Amino acid sequence: MISLDVKDIESGYGEVQIVWGLSMQLQEGCLTAMVGSNGSGKTTLLRTLTGLLPTWKGTVTFDGKDITRLSPHEKAEMGIVLVPEGRQLFTDMTVLENLEMGATPSRARAEYKKNLAWVFELLPRLKERMNQAAGTLSGGEQQMLAIGRGLMSNPKILMFDELSLGLSPLLVMNLFEVLRRLRSQGHTMLLVEQNVQMALAVSDYAYVMSNGRIETEGEAKKVREMETVRKAYLGL
Protein backbone atom coordinates (compact mmCIF):
# COMPACT_ATOMS: atom_id res chain seq x y z
CA MET A 1 0.00 0.00 0.00
CA ILE A 2 1.31 3.48 -0.92
CA SER A 3 1.74 5.70 2.14
CA LEU A 4 3.15 8.79 0.39
CA ASP A 5 2.73 9.56 -3.32
CA VAL A 6 4.79 12.38 -4.80
CA LYS A 7 4.03 13.46 -8.37
CA ASP A 8 6.02 15.89 -10.51
CA ILE A 9 7.00 18.24 -7.67
CA GLU A 10 9.20 21.27 -8.19
CA SER A 11 10.72 23.48 -5.50
CA GLY A 12 13.73 25.57 -4.53
CA TYR A 13 14.91 28.67 -2.73
CA GLY A 14 13.85 32.14 -3.89
CA GLU A 15 14.15 32.06 -7.66
CA VAL A 16 16.64 29.16 -7.67
CA GLN A 17 14.98 25.88 -8.64
CA ILE A 18 16.53 22.78 -7.06
CA VAL A 19 13.94 20.00 -7.52
CA TRP A 20 12.70 19.38 -11.07
CA GLY A 21 9.54 17.34 -11.77
CA LEU A 22 10.37 14.67 -9.19
CA SER A 23 8.06 11.70 -8.62
CA MET A 24 8.43 8.98 -5.99
CA GLN A 25 6.44 6.75 -3.65
CA LEU A 26 6.86 5.45 -0.13
CA GLN A 27 5.36 2.02 0.44
CA GLU A 28 3.79 1.45 3.85
CA GLY A 29 6.05 -0.50 6.22
CA CYS A 30 9.13 -0.13 4.02
CA LEU A 31 12.45 1.68 4.40
CA THR A 32 13.12 3.74 1.27
CA ALA A 33 16.52 5.29 0.60
CA MET A 34 17.12 8.51 -1.33
CA VAL A 35 20.81 8.62 -2.18
CA GLY A 36 23.03 10.84 -4.28
CA SER A 37 26.03 13.09 -4.15
CA ASN A 38 26.22 16.25 -2.05
CA GLY A 39 24.24 19.04 -3.70
CA SER A 40 21.91 16.74 -5.62
CA GLY A 41 18.82 18.20 -3.92
CA LYS A 42 18.08 15.55 -1.30
CA THR A 43 17.68 17.92 1.66
CA THR A 44 15.61 20.33 -0.44
CA LEU A 45 13.31 17.43 -1.27
CA LEU A 46 12.86 16.58 2.42
CA ARG A 47 12.19 20.20 3.31
CA THR A 48 9.56 20.31 0.56
CA LEU A 49 7.85 17.09 1.64
CA THR A 50 7.63 18.24 5.27
CA GLY A 51 6.35 21.72 4.34
CA LEU A 52 9.44 23.69 5.34
CA LEU A 53 9.66 24.79 1.70
CA PRO A 54 6.65 25.46 -0.53
CA THR A 55 5.88 23.11 -3.40
CA TRP A 56 5.97 25.15 -6.61
CA LYS A 57 4.34 22.52 -8.79
CA GLY A 58 3.07 18.96 -8.45
CA THR A 59 1.25 17.13 -5.67
CA VAL A 60 2.04 15.25 -2.47
CA THR A 61 -0.58 12.74 -1.32
CA PHE A 62 -0.51 11.06 2.10
CA ASP A 63 -2.89 8.17 2.86
CA GLY A 64 -5.00 9.32 -0.08
CA LYS A 65 -5.22 12.97 1.06
CA ASP A 66 -3.68 15.91 -0.78
CA ILE A 67 -1.24 17.51 1.67
CA THR A 68 0.74 19.57 -0.85
CA ARG A 69 -0.04 22.96 0.69
CA LEU A 70 -0.20 22.00 4.36
CA SER A 71 2.12 23.64 6.91
CA PRO A 72 4.91 21.73 8.71
CA HIS A 73 2.79 21.76 11.87
CA GLU A 74 -0.21 20.25 10.09
CA LYS A 75 1.95 17.55 8.50
CA ALA A 76 3.55 16.73 11.86
CA GLU A 77 0.09 16.39 13.41
CA MET A 78 -0.73 13.87 10.67
CA GLY A 79 2.40 11.88 11.49
CA ILE A 80 4.99 13.07 8.96
CA VAL A 81 8.11 13.60 11.05
CA LEU A 82 11.64 14.71 10.13
CA VAL A 83 14.85 13.88 11.99
CA PRO A 84 16.83 16.84 10.63
CA GLU A 85 20.43 17.14 9.55
CA GLY A 86 22.52 18.55 12.39
CA ARG A 87 20.10 17.10 14.98
CA GLN A 88 18.78 20.54 16.11
CA LEU A 89 18.30 19.57 19.74
CA PHE A 90 17.46 21.85 22.66
CA THR A 91 20.97 21.68 24.04
CA ASP A 92 20.26 23.33 27.43
CA MET A 93 17.39 20.94 28.13
CA THR A 94 17.77 17.40 29.44
CA VAL A 95 17.45 14.27 27.36
CA LEU A 96 14.03 13.60 28.88
CA GLU A 97 12.85 17.15 28.19
CA ASN A 98 13.93 16.83 24.55
CA LEU A 99 11.98 13.59 24.28
CA GLU A 100 8.95 15.29 25.82
CA MET A 101 9.19 17.99 23.13
CA GLY A 102 8.87 15.27 20.52
CA ALA A 103 5.50 14.27 21.97
CA THR A 104 3.85 17.65 21.34
CA PRO A 105 1.58 16.53 18.45
CA SER A 106 -1.87 15.78 19.86
CA ARG A 107 -1.80 12.28 18.34
CA ALA A 108 1.32 11.48 20.40
CA ARG A 109 0.28 12.75 23.83
CA ALA A 110 -1.99 9.83 24.68
CA GLU A 111 0.81 7.42 23.78
CA TYR A 112 3.52 9.25 25.76
CA LYS A 113 4.30 6.62 28.41
CA LYS A 114 4.21 3.72 25.97
CA ASN A 115 6.41 5.54 23.44
CA LEU A 116 8.90 6.63 26.11
CA ALA A 117 9.31 3.04 27.30
CA TRP A 118 9.74 1.93 23.68
CA VAL A 119 12.38 4.61 22.95
CA PHE A 120 14.32 3.68 26.09
CA GLU A 121 14.20 -0.01 25.08
CA LEU A 122 15.36 0.79 21.53
CA LEU A 123 17.99 3.34 22.63
CA PRO A 124 19.03 2.36 26.18
CA ARG A 125 21.82 4.96 26.26
CA LEU A 126 19.13 7.65 26.40
CA LYS A 127 17.69 6.15 29.57
CA GLU A 128 21.17 6.21 31.12
CA ARG A 129 21.54 9.89 30.16
CA MET A 130 17.91 10.82 30.90
CA ASN A 131 18.71 13.74 33.24
CA GLN A 132 21.80 14.96 31.38
CA ALA A 133 21.78 18.15 29.29
CA ALA A 134 21.54 17.30 25.59
CA GLY A 135 24.44 19.63 24.77
CA THR A 136 26.83 17.52 26.87
CA LEU A 137 26.17 14.30 24.93
CA SER A 138 28.56 12.88 22.37
CA GLY A 139 27.74 13.27 18.68
CA GLY A 140 26.43 9.73 18.46
CA GLU A 141 24.30 10.13 21.57
CA GLN A 142 22.86 13.36 20.20
CA GLN A 143 21.90 11.58 17.00
CA MET A 144 20.23 8.85 19.07
CA LEU A 145 18.32 11.57 20.93
CA ALA A 146 17.21 13.14 17.64
CA ILE A 147 15.88 9.75 16.53
CA GLY A 148 14.18 9.21 19.90
CA ARG A 149 12.54 12.63 19.75
CA GLY A 150 11.19 11.77 16.30
CA LEU A 151 9.81 8.46 17.55
CA MET A 152 8.11 10.18 20.50
CA SER A 153 5.86 12.00 18.01
CA ASN A 154 4.23 8.68 17.10
CA PRO A 155 5.13 9.03 13.41
CA LYS A 156 3.39 7.40 10.48
CA ILE A 157 6.33 8.34 8.26
CA LEU A 158 9.78 9.01 9.73
CA MET A 159 12.26 10.87 7.51
CA PHE A 160 15.99 11.00 8.25
CA ASP A 161 18.32 13.63 6.80
CA GLU A 162 21.98 12.52 6.75
CA LEU A 163 21.82 10.15 9.70
CA SER A 164 25.53 9.26 9.63
CA LEU A 165 27.00 12.72 9.01
CA GLY A 166 30.16 13.36 11.04
CA LEU A 167 30.00 10.13 13.05
CA SER A 168 32.58 7.37 13.48
CA PRO A 169 32.14 4.09 11.55
CA LEU A 170 31.22 2.23 14.77
CA LEU A 171 28.51 4.74 15.67
CA VAL A 172 27.21 4.62 12.10
CA MET A 173 26.90 0.83 12.36
CA ASN A 174 24.97 1.19 15.64
CA LEU A 175 22.55 3.74 14.17
CA PHE A 176 21.91 1.66 11.06
CA GLU A 177 21.17 -1.31 13.31
CA VAL A 178 18.46 0.87 14.92
CA LEU A 179 17.05 1.45 11.42
CA ARG A 180 17.02 -2.29 10.81
CA ARG A 181 15.04 -2.82 14.01
CA LEU A 182 12.54 -0.11 13.09
CA ARG A 183 12.19 -1.63 9.62
CA SER A 184 11.54 -5.08 11.12
CA GLN A 185 8.79 -3.52 13.26
CA GLY A 186 7.01 -2.27 10.12
CA HIS A 187 7.74 1.46 10.27
CA THR A 188 7.49 3.53 7.09
CA MET A 189 10.73 5.48 6.64
CA LEU A 190 12.58 7.64 4.15
CA LEU A 191 16.35 7.77 4.56
CA VAL A 192 18.26 10.57 2.84
CA GLU A 193 21.90 9.63 3.12
CA GLN A 194 25.33 10.26 1.56
CA ASN A 195 26.64 6.93 2.85
CA VAL A 196 25.25 5.13 -0.18
CA GLN A 197 26.63 1.68 0.64
CA MET A 198 25.07 1.57 4.12
CA ALA A 199 21.80 3.11 2.94
CA LEU A 200 21.35 0.54 0.18
CA ALA A 201 22.29 -2.29 2.57
CA VAL A 202 19.42 -1.60 4.99
CA SER A 203 16.69 -0.36 2.62
CA ASP A 204 13.89 -2.11 0.76
CA TYR A 205 13.70 0.34 -2.16
CA ALA A 206 16.00 3.06 -3.39
CA TYR A 207 16.01 6.19 -5.50
CA VAL A 208 19.19 7.77 -6.84
CA MET A 209 18.94 11.54 -7.13
CA SER A 210 21.08 13.76 -9.34
CA ASN A 211 20.67 17.46 -10.14
CA GLY A 212 17.22 17.60 -8.56
CA ARG A 213 15.85 14.67 -10.53
CA ILE A 214 15.49 10.91 -10.05
CA GLU A 215 18.31 9.28 -12.00
CA THR A 216 17.33 5.67 -11.31
CA GLU A 217 15.23 3.61 -8.92
CA GLY A 218 14.47 0.04 -7.94
CA GLU A 219 14.80 -2.55 -5.21
CA ALA A 220 17.76 -1.51 -3.07
CA LYS A 221 19.68 -4.75 -3.72
CA LYS A 222 19.31 -4.31 -7.49
CA VAL A 223 20.28 -0.63 -7.38
CA ARG A 224 23.37 -1.61 -5.38
CA GLU A 225 24.44 -3.93 -8.20
CA MET A 226 23.95 -1.40 -11.01
CA GLU A 227 27.24 -0.64 -12.72
CA THR A 228 26.59 3.11 -12.85
CA VAL A 229 25.82 3.22 -9.12
CA ARG A 230 28.80 1.07 -8.20
CA LYS A 231 31.17 3.35 -10.12
CA ALA A 232 29.66 6.70 -9.17
CA TYR A 233 28.78 6.14 -5.52
CA LEU A 234 30.40 2.97 -4.21
CA GLY A 235 33.91 3.42 -5.60
CA LEU A 236 33.83 -0.03 -7.23
C-alpha atoms as a PDB file:
ATOM      1  CA  MET A   1       0.000   0.000   0.000  1.00  0.00           C
ATOM      2  CA  ILE A   2       1.305   3.477  -0.917  1.00  0.00           C
ATOM      3  CA  SER A   3       1.739   5.699   2.136  1.00  0.00           C
ATOM      4  CA  LEU A   4       3.146   8.786   0.391  1.00  0.00           C
ATOM      5  CA  ASP A   5       2.728   9.559  -3.315  1.00  0.00           C
ATOM      6  CA  VAL A   6       4.793  12.384  -4.799  1.00  0.00           C
ATOM      7  CA  LYS A   7       4.030  13.459  -8.372  1.00  0.00           C
ATOM      8  CA  ASP A   8       6.025  15.886 -10.508  1.00  0.00           C
ATOM      9  CA  ILE A   9       7.000  18.242  -7.674  1.00  0.00           C
ATOM     10  CA  GLU A  10       9.203  21.266  -8.186  1.00  0.00           C
ATOM     11  CA  SER A  11      10.716  23.478  -5.501  1.00  0.00           C
ATOM     12  CA  GLY A  12      13.728  25.569  -4.532  1.00  0.00           C
ATOM     13  CA  TYR A  13      14.909  28.673  -2.731  1.00  0.00           C
ATOM     14  CA  GLY A  14      13.853  32.141  -3.886  1.00  0.00           C
ATOM     15  CA  GLU A  15      14.152  32.058  -7.655  1.00  0.00           C
ATOM     16  CA  VAL A  16      16.635  29.159  -7.675  1.00  0.00           C
ATOM     17  CA  GLN A  17      14.981  25.884  -8.638  1.00  0.00           C
ATOM     18  CA  ILE A  18      16.531  22.775  -7.056  1.00  0.00           C
ATOM     19  CA  VAL A  19      13.940  20.000  -7.518  1.00  0.00           C
ATOM     20  CA  TRP A  20      12.698  19.380 -11.065  1.00  0.00           C
ATOM     21  CA  GLY A  21       9.544  17.337 -11.766  1.00  0.00           C
ATOM     22  CA  LEU A  22      10.367  14.667  -9.192  1.00  0.00           C
ATOM     23  CA  SER A  23       8.057  11.697  -8.616  1.00  0.00           C
ATOM     24  CA  MET A  24       8.431   8.984  -5.988  1.00  0.00           C
ATOM     25  CA  GLN A  25       6.439   6.751  -3.653  1.00  0.00           C
ATOM     26  CA  LEU A  26       6.859   5.446  -0.127  1.00  0.00           C
ATOM     27  CA  GLN A  27       5.356   2.018   0.444  1.00  0.00           C
ATOM     28  CA  GLU A  28       3.794   1.451   3.852  1.00  0.00           C
ATOM     29  CA  GLY A  29       6.046  -0.497   6.218  1.00  0.00           C
ATOM     30  CA  CYS A  30       9.128  -0.128   4.023  1.00  0.00           C
ATOM     31  CA  LEU A  31      12.446   1.680   4.395  1.00  0.00           C
ATOM     32  CA  THR A  32      13.118   3.743   1.268  1.00  0.00           C
ATOM     33  CA  ALA A  33      16.517   5.290   0.597  1.00  0.00           C
ATOM     34  CA  MET A  34      17.123   8.507  -1.332  1.00  0.00           C
ATOM     35  CA  VAL A  35      20.814   8.622  -2.177  1.00  0.00           C
ATOM     36  CA  GLY A  36      23.029  10.845  -4.283  1.00  0.00           C
ATOM     37  CA  SER A  37      26.025  13.090  -4.147  1.00  0.00           C
ATOM     38  CA  ASN A  38      26.220  16.249  -2.053  1.00  0.00           C
ATOM     39  CA  GLY A  39      24.237  19.044  -3.699  1.00  0.00           C
ATOM     40  CA  SER A  40      21.905  16.740  -5.620  1.00  0.00           C
ATOM     41  CA  GLY A  41      18.820  18.198  -3.923  1.00  0.00           C
ATOM     42  CA  LYS A  42      18.076  15.545  -1.298  1.00  0.00           C
ATOM     43  CA  THR A  43      17.684  17.917   1.661  1.00  0.00           C
ATOM     44  CA  THR A  44      15.614  20.329  -0.445  1.00  0.00           C
ATOM     45  CA  LEU A  45      13.312  17.427  -1.269  1.00  0.00           C
ATOM     46  CA  LEU A  46      12.857  16.577   2.420  1.00  0.00           C
ATOM     47  CA  ARG A  47      12.188  20.195   3.311  1.00  0.00           C
ATOM     48  CA  THR A  48       9.558  20.307   0.563  1.00  0.00           C
ATOM     49  CA  LEU A  49       7.851  17.087   1.641  1.00  0.00           C
ATOM     50  CA  THR A  50       7.630  18.243   5.268  1.00  0.00           C
ATOM     51  CA  GLY A  51       6.350  21.718   4.340  1.00  0.00           C
ATOM     52  CA  LEU A  52       9.442  23.691   5.338  1.00  0.00           C
ATOM     53  CA  LEU A  53       9.664  24.790   1.702  1.00  0.00           C
ATOM     54  CA  PRO A  54       6.646  25.457  -0.527  1.00  0.00           C
ATOM     55  CA  THR A  55       5.877  23.108  -3.402  1.00  0.00           C
ATOM     56  CA  TRP A  56       5.969  25.149  -6.610  1.00  0.00           C
ATOM     57  CA  LYS A  57       4.337  22.515  -8.794  1.00  0.00           C
ATOM     58  CA  GLY A  58       3.072  18.956  -8.454  1.00  0.00           C
ATOM     59  CA  THR A  59       1.248  17.133  -5.675  1.00  0.00           C
ATOM     60  CA  VAL A  60       2.038  15.253  -2.470  1.00  0.00           C
ATOM     61  CA  THR A  61      -0.576  12.741  -1.324  1.00  0.00           C
ATOM     62  CA  PHE A  62      -0.508  11.055   2.098  1.00  0.00           C
ATOM     63  CA  ASP A  63      -2.886   8.171   2.860  1.00  0.00           C
ATOM     64  CA  GLY A  64      -5.000   9.324  -0.080  1.00  0.00           C
ATOM     65  CA  LYS A  65      -5.218  12.970   1.063  1.00  0.00           C
ATOM     66  CA  ASP A  66      -3.685  15.908  -0.777  1.00  0.00           C
ATOM     67  CA  ILE A  67      -1.240  17.513   1.673  1.00  0.00           C
ATOM     68  CA  THR A  68       0.742  19.565  -0.854  1.00  0.00           C
ATOM     69  CA  ARG A  69      -0.036  22.961   0.690  1.00  0.00           C
ATOM     70  CA  LEU A  70      -0.200  22.001   4.364  1.00  0.00           C
ATOM     71  CA  SER A  71       2.124  23.635   6.912  1.00  0.00           C
ATOM     72  CA  PRO A  72       4.912  21.726   8.714  1.00  0.00           C
ATOM     73  CA  HIS A  73       2.790  21.763  11.873  1.00  0.00           C
ATOM     74  CA  GLU A  74      -0.207  20.252  10.093  1.00  0.00           C
ATOM     75  CA  LYS A  75       1.948  17.551   8.503  1.00  0.00           C
ATOM     76  CA  ALA A  76       3.546  16.732  11.863  1.00  0.00           C
ATOM     77  CA  GLU A  77       0.094  16.392  13.406  1.00  0.00           C
ATOM     78  CA  MET A  78      -0.733  13.872  10.665  1.00  0.00           C
ATOM     79  CA  GLY A  79       2.400  11.877  11.491  1.00  0.00           C
ATOM     80  CA  ILE A  80       4.992  13.065   8.956  1.00  0.00           C
ATOM     81  CA  VAL A  81       8.110  13.603  11.049  1.00  0.00           C
ATOM     82  CA  LEU A  82      11.642  14.714  10.128  1.00  0.00           C
ATOM     83  CA  VAL A  83      14.853  13.878  11.989  1.00  0.00           C
ATOM     84  CA  PRO A  84      16.829  16.841  10.631  1.00  0.00           C
ATOM     85  CA  GLU A  85      20.431  17.137   9.552  1.00  0.00           C
ATOM     86  CA  GLY A  86      22.522  18.551  12.391  1.00  0.00           C
ATOM     87  CA  ARG A  87      20.102  17.097  14.979  1.00  0.00           C
ATOM     88  CA  GLN A  88      18.782  20.541  16.110  1.00  0.00           C
ATOM     89  CA  LEU A  89      18.302  19.571  19.739  1.00  0.00           C
ATOM     90  CA  PHE A  90      17.455  21.847  22.662  1.00  0.00           C
ATOM     91  CA  THR A  91      20.974  21.676  24.043  1.00  0.00           C
ATOM     92  CA  ASP A  92      20.256  23.325  27.432  1.00  0.00           C
ATOM     93  CA  MET A  93      17.393  20.935  28.130  1.00  0.00           C
ATOM     94  CA  THR A  94      17.775  17.396  29.441  1.00  0.00           C
ATOM     95  CA  VAL A  95      17.453  14.270  27.357  1.00  0.00           C
ATOM     96  CA  LEU A  96      14.029  13.597  28.884  1.00  0.00           C
ATOM     97  CA  GLU A  97      12.846  17.153  28.192  1.00  0.00           C
ATOM     98  CA  ASN A  98      13.930  16.829  24.550  1.00  0.00           C
ATOM     99  CA  LEU A  99      11.980  13.595  24.278  1.00  0.00           C
ATOM    100  CA  GLU A 100       8.954  15.292  25.821  1.00  0.00           C
ATOM    101  CA  MET A 101       9.189  17.990  23.132  1.00  0.00           C
ATOM    102  CA  GLY A 102       8.872  15.273  20.523  1.00  0.00           C
ATOM    103  CA  ALA A 103       5.505  14.273  21.965  1.00  0.00           C
ATOM    104  CA  THR A 104       3.851  17.648  21.343  1.00  0.00           C
ATOM    105  CA  PRO A 105       1.576  16.529  18.452  1.00  0.00           C
ATOM    106  CA  SER A 106      -1.866  15.777  19.861  1.00  0.00           C
ATOM    107  CA  ARG A 107      -1.802  12.281  18.343  1.00  0.00           C
ATOM    108  CA  ALA A 108       1.319  11.482  20.403  1.00  0.00           C
ATOM    109  CA  ARG A 109       0.282  12.747  23.829  1.00  0.00           C
ATOM    110  CA  ALA A 110      -1.995   9.833  24.676  1.00  0.00           C
ATOM    111  CA  GLU A 111       0.805   7.416  23.778  1.00  0.00           C
ATOM    112  CA  TYR A 112       3.517   9.251  25.757  1.00  0.00           C
ATOM    113  CA  LYS A 113       4.303   6.620  28.410  1.00  0.00           C
ATOM    114  CA  LYS A 114       4.209   3.724  25.966  1.00  0.00           C
ATOM    115  CA  ASN A 115       6.407   5.544  23.443  1.00  0.00           C
ATOM    116  CA  LEU A 116       8.905   6.634  26.108  1.00  0.00           C
ATOM    117  CA  ALA A 117       9.308   3.045  27.302  1.00  0.00           C
ATOM    118  CA  TRP A 118       9.744   1.930  23.679  1.00  0.00           C
ATOM    119  CA  VAL A 119      12.379   4.610  22.950  1.00  0.00           C
ATOM    120  CA  PHE A 120      14.324   3.676  26.091  1.00  0.00           C
ATOM    121  CA  GLU A 121      14.204  -0.008  25.079  1.00  0.00           C
ATOM    122  CA  LEU A 122      15.356   0.794  21.530  1.00  0.00           C
ATOM    123  CA  LEU A 123      17.990   3.342  22.632  1.00  0.00           C
ATOM    124  CA  PRO A 124      19.029   2.359  26.183  1.00  0.00           C
ATOM    125  CA  ARG A 125      21.822   4.958  26.265  1.00  0.00           C
ATOM    126  CA  LEU A 126      19.127   7.650  26.400  1.00  0.00           C
ATOM    127  CA  LYS A 127      17.690   6.149  29.575  1.00  0.00           C
ATOM    128  CA  GLU A 128      21.168   6.209  31.124  1.00  0.00           C
ATOM    129  CA  ARG A 129      21.540   9.887  30.162  1.00  0.00           C
ATOM    130  CA  MET A 130      17.911  10.824  30.898  1.00  0.00           C
ATOM    131  CA  ASN A 131      18.710  13.740  33.238  1.00  0.00           C
ATOM    132  CA  GLN A 132      21.797  14.961  31.382  1.00  0.00           C
ATOM    133  CA  ALA A 133      21.780  18.153  29.285  1.00  0.00           C
ATOM    134  CA  ALA A 134      21.543  17.304  25.594  1.00  0.00           C
ATOM    135  CA  GLY A 135      24.439  19.629  24.770  1.00  0.00           C
ATOM    136  CA  THR A 136      26.829  17.523  26.870  1.00  0.00           C
ATOM    137  CA  LEU A 137      26.166  14.305  24.929  1.00  0.00           C
ATOM    138  CA  SER A 138      28.565  12.882  22.371  1.00  0.00           C
ATOM    139  CA  GLY A 139      27.743  13.270  18.684  1.00  0.00           C
ATOM    140  CA  GLY A 140      26.433   9.731  18.456  1.00  0.00           C
ATOM    141  CA  GLU A 141      24.302  10.128  21.566  1.00  0.00           C
ATOM    142  CA  GLN A 142      22.864  13.364  20.202  1.00  0.00           C
ATOM    143  CA  GLN A 143      21.903  11.579  16.997  1.00  0.00           C
ATOM    144  CA  MET A 144      20.226   8.855  19.069  1.00  0.00           C
ATOM    145  CA  LEU A 145      18.318  11.566  20.929  1.00  0.00           C
ATOM    146  CA  ALA A 146      17.209  13.140  17.640  1.00  0.00           C
ATOM    147  CA  ILE A 147      15.877   9.746  16.534  1.00  0.00           C
ATOM    148  CA  GLY A 148      14.184   9.210  19.899  1.00  0.00           C
ATOM    149  CA  ARG A 149      12.545  12.631  19.749  1.00  0.00           C
ATOM    150  CA  GLY A 150      11.187  11.766  16.305  1.00  0.00           C
ATOM    151  CA  LEU A 151       9.812   8.461  17.548  1.00  0.00           C
ATOM    152  CA  MET A 152       8.106  10.180  20.495  1.00  0.00           C
ATOM    153  CA  SER A 153       5.864  12.003  18.012  1.00  0.00           C
ATOM    154  CA  ASN A 154       4.226   8.676  17.104  1.00  0.00           C
ATOM    155  CA  PRO A 155       5.127   9.026  13.411  1.00  0.00           C
ATOM    156  CA  LYS A 156       3.386   7.397  10.483  1.00  0.00           C
ATOM    157  CA  ILE A 157       6.333   8.339   8.260  1.00  0.00           C
ATOM    158  CA  LEU A 158       9.777   9.013   9.729  1.00  0.00           C
ATOM    159  CA  MET A 159      12.255  10.867   7.515  1.00  0.00           C
ATOM    160  CA  PHE A 160      15.987  10.997   8.249  1.00  0.00           C
ATOM    161  CA  ASP A 161      18.316  13.634   6.800  1.00  0.00           C
ATOM    162  CA  GLU A 162      21.978  12.516   6.746  1.00  0.00           C
ATOM    163  CA  LEU A 163      21.818  10.149   9.702  1.00  0.00           C
ATOM    164  CA  SER A 164      25.529   9.264   9.629  1.00  0.00           C
ATOM    165  CA  LEU A 165      26.999  12.717   9.005  1.00  0.00           C
ATOM    166  CA  GLY A 166      30.165  13.360  11.039  1.00  0.00           C
ATOM    167  CA  LEU A 167      29.997  10.132  13.048  1.00  0.00           C
ATOM    168  CA  SER A 168      32.585   7.369  13.482  1.00  0.00           C
ATOM    169  CA  PRO A 169      32.140   4.088  11.553  1.00  0.00           C
ATOM    170  CA  LEU A 170      31.223   2.231  14.767  1.00  0.00           C
ATOM    171  CA  LEU A 171      28.506   4.735  15.667  1.00  0.00           C
ATOM    172  CA  VAL A 172      27.209   4.621  12.103  1.00  0.00           C
ATOM    173  CA  MET A 173      26.902   0.831  12.362  1.00  0.00           C
ATOM    174  CA  ASN A 174      24.968   1.192  15.638  1.00  0.00           C
ATOM    175  CA  LEU A 175      22.547   3.739  14.167  1.00  0.00           C
ATOM    176  CA  PHE A 176      21.907   1.661  11.061  1.00  0.00           C
ATOM    177  CA  GLU A 177      21.173  -1.308  13.310  1.00  0.00           C
ATOM    178  CA  VAL A 178      18.458   0.870  14.917  1.00  0.00           C
ATOM    179  CA  LEU A 179      17.046   1.451  11.420  1.00  0.00           C
ATOM    180  CA  ARG A 180      17.024  -2.293  10.807  1.00  0.00           C
ATOM    181  CA  ARG A 181      15.036  -2.818  14.006  1.00  0.00           C
ATOM    182  CA  LEU A 182      12.536  -0.112  13.087  1.00  0.00           C
ATOM    183  CA  ARG A 183      12.188  -1.626   9.625  1.00  0.00           C
ATOM    184  CA  SER A 184      11.540  -5.085  11.125  1.00  0.00           C
ATOM    185  CA  GLN A 185       8.788  -3.521  13.256  1.00  0.00           C
ATOM    186  CA  GLY A 186       7.013  -2.268  10.119  1.00  0.00           C
ATOM    187  CA  HIS A 187       7.737   1.462  10.275  1.00  0.00           C
ATOM    188  CA  THR A 188       7.488   3.526   7.094  1.00  0.00           C
ATOM    189  CA  MET A 189      10.728   5.478   6.641  1.00  0.00           C
ATOM    190  CA  LEU A 190      12.579   7.638   4.146  1.00  0.00           C
ATOM    191  CA  LEU A 191      16.348   7.775   4.561  1.00  0.00           C
ATOM    192  CA  VAL A 192      18.257  10.567   2.838  1.00  0.00           C
ATOM    193  CA  GLU A 193      21.905   9.631   3.124  1.00  0.00           C
ATOM    194  CA  GLN A 194      25.331  10.257   1.556  1.00  0.00           C
ATOM    195  CA  ASN A 195      26.644   6.926   2.848  1.00  0.00           C
ATOM    196  CA  VAL A 196      25.255   5.130  -0.184  1.00  0.00           C
ATOM    197  CA  GLN A 197      26.634   1.683   0.643  1.00  0.00           C
ATOM    198  CA  MET A 198      25.070   1.574   4.115  1.00  0.00           C
ATOM    199  CA  ALA A 199      21.801   3.115   2.940  1.00  0.00           C
ATOM    200  CA  LEU A 200      21.346   0.540   0.184  1.00  0.00           C
ATOM    201  CA  ALA A 201      22.289  -2.291   2.567  1.00  0.00           C
ATOM    202  CA  VAL A 202      19.420  -1.596   4.995  1.00  0.00           C
ATOM    203  CA  SER A 203      16.689  -0.361   2.617  1.00  0.00           C
ATOM    204  CA  ASP A 204      13.890  -2.105   0.756  1.00  0.00           C
ATOM    205  CA  TYR A 205      13.704   0.336  -2.156  1.00  0.00           C
ATOM    206  CA  ALA A 206      16.004   3.062  -3.386  1.00  0.00           C
ATOM    207  CA  TYR A 207      16.013   6.190  -5.497  1.00  0.00           C
ATOM    208  CA  VAL A 208      19.192   7.767  -6.836  1.00  0.00           C
ATOM    209  CA  MET A 209      18.939  11.542  -7.129  1.00  0.00           C
ATOM    210  CA  SER A 210      21.079  13.759  -9.338  1.00  0.00           C
ATOM    211  CA  ASN A 211      20.674  17.462 -10.140  1.00  0.00           C
ATOM    212  CA  GLY A 212      17.217  17.600  -8.561  1.00  0.00           C
ATOM    213  CA  ARG A 213      15.852  14.666 -10.527  1.00  0.00           C
ATOM    214  CA  ILE A 214      15.485  10.912 -10.053  1.00  0.00           C
ATOM    215  CA  GLU A 215      18.308   9.281 -11.996  1.00  0.00           C
ATOM    216  CA  THR A 216      17.332   5.670 -11.315  1.00  0.00           C
ATOM    217  CA  GLU A 217      15.226   3.608  -8.918  1.00  0.00           C
ATOM    218  CA  GLY A 218      14.475   0.038  -7.937  1.00  0.00           C
ATOM    219  CA  GLU A 219      14.801  -2.551  -5.207  1.00  0.00           C
ATOM    220  CA  ALA A 220      17.762  -1.515  -3.070  1.00  0.00           C
ATOM    221  CA  LYS A 221      19.684  -4.746  -3.719  1.00  0.00           C
ATOM    222  CA  LYS A 222      19.311  -4.313  -7.485  1.00  0.00           C
ATOM    223  CA  VAL A 223      20.277  -0.629  -7.378  1.00  0.00           C
ATOM    224  CA  ARG A 224      23.367  -1.606  -5.383  1.00  0.00           C
ATOM    225  CA  GLU A 225      24.444  -3.935  -8.204  1.00  0.00           C
ATOM    226  CA  MET A 226      23.946  -1.399 -11.010  1.00  0.00           C
ATOM    227  CA  GLU A 227      27.242  -0.644 -12.725  1.00  0.00           C
ATOM    228  CA  THR A 228      26.595   3.112 -12.847  1.00  0.00           C
ATOM    229  CA  VAL A 229      25.817   3.220  -9.119  1.00  0.00           C
ATOM    230  CA  ARG A 230      28.804   1.071  -8.202  1.00  0.00           C
ATOM    231  CA  LYS A 231      31.166   3.348 -10.121  1.00  0.00           C
ATOM    232  CA  ALA A 232      29.659   6.703  -9.175  1.00  0.00           C
ATOM    233  CA  TYR A 233      28.777   6.140  -5.519  1.00  0.00           C
ATOM    234  CA  LEU A 234      30.405   2.967  -4.206  1.00  0.00           C
ATOM    235  CA  GLY A 235      33.911   3.417  -5.602  1.00  0.00           C
ATOM    236  CA  LEU A 236      33.831  -0.027  -7.225  1.00  0.00           C
END
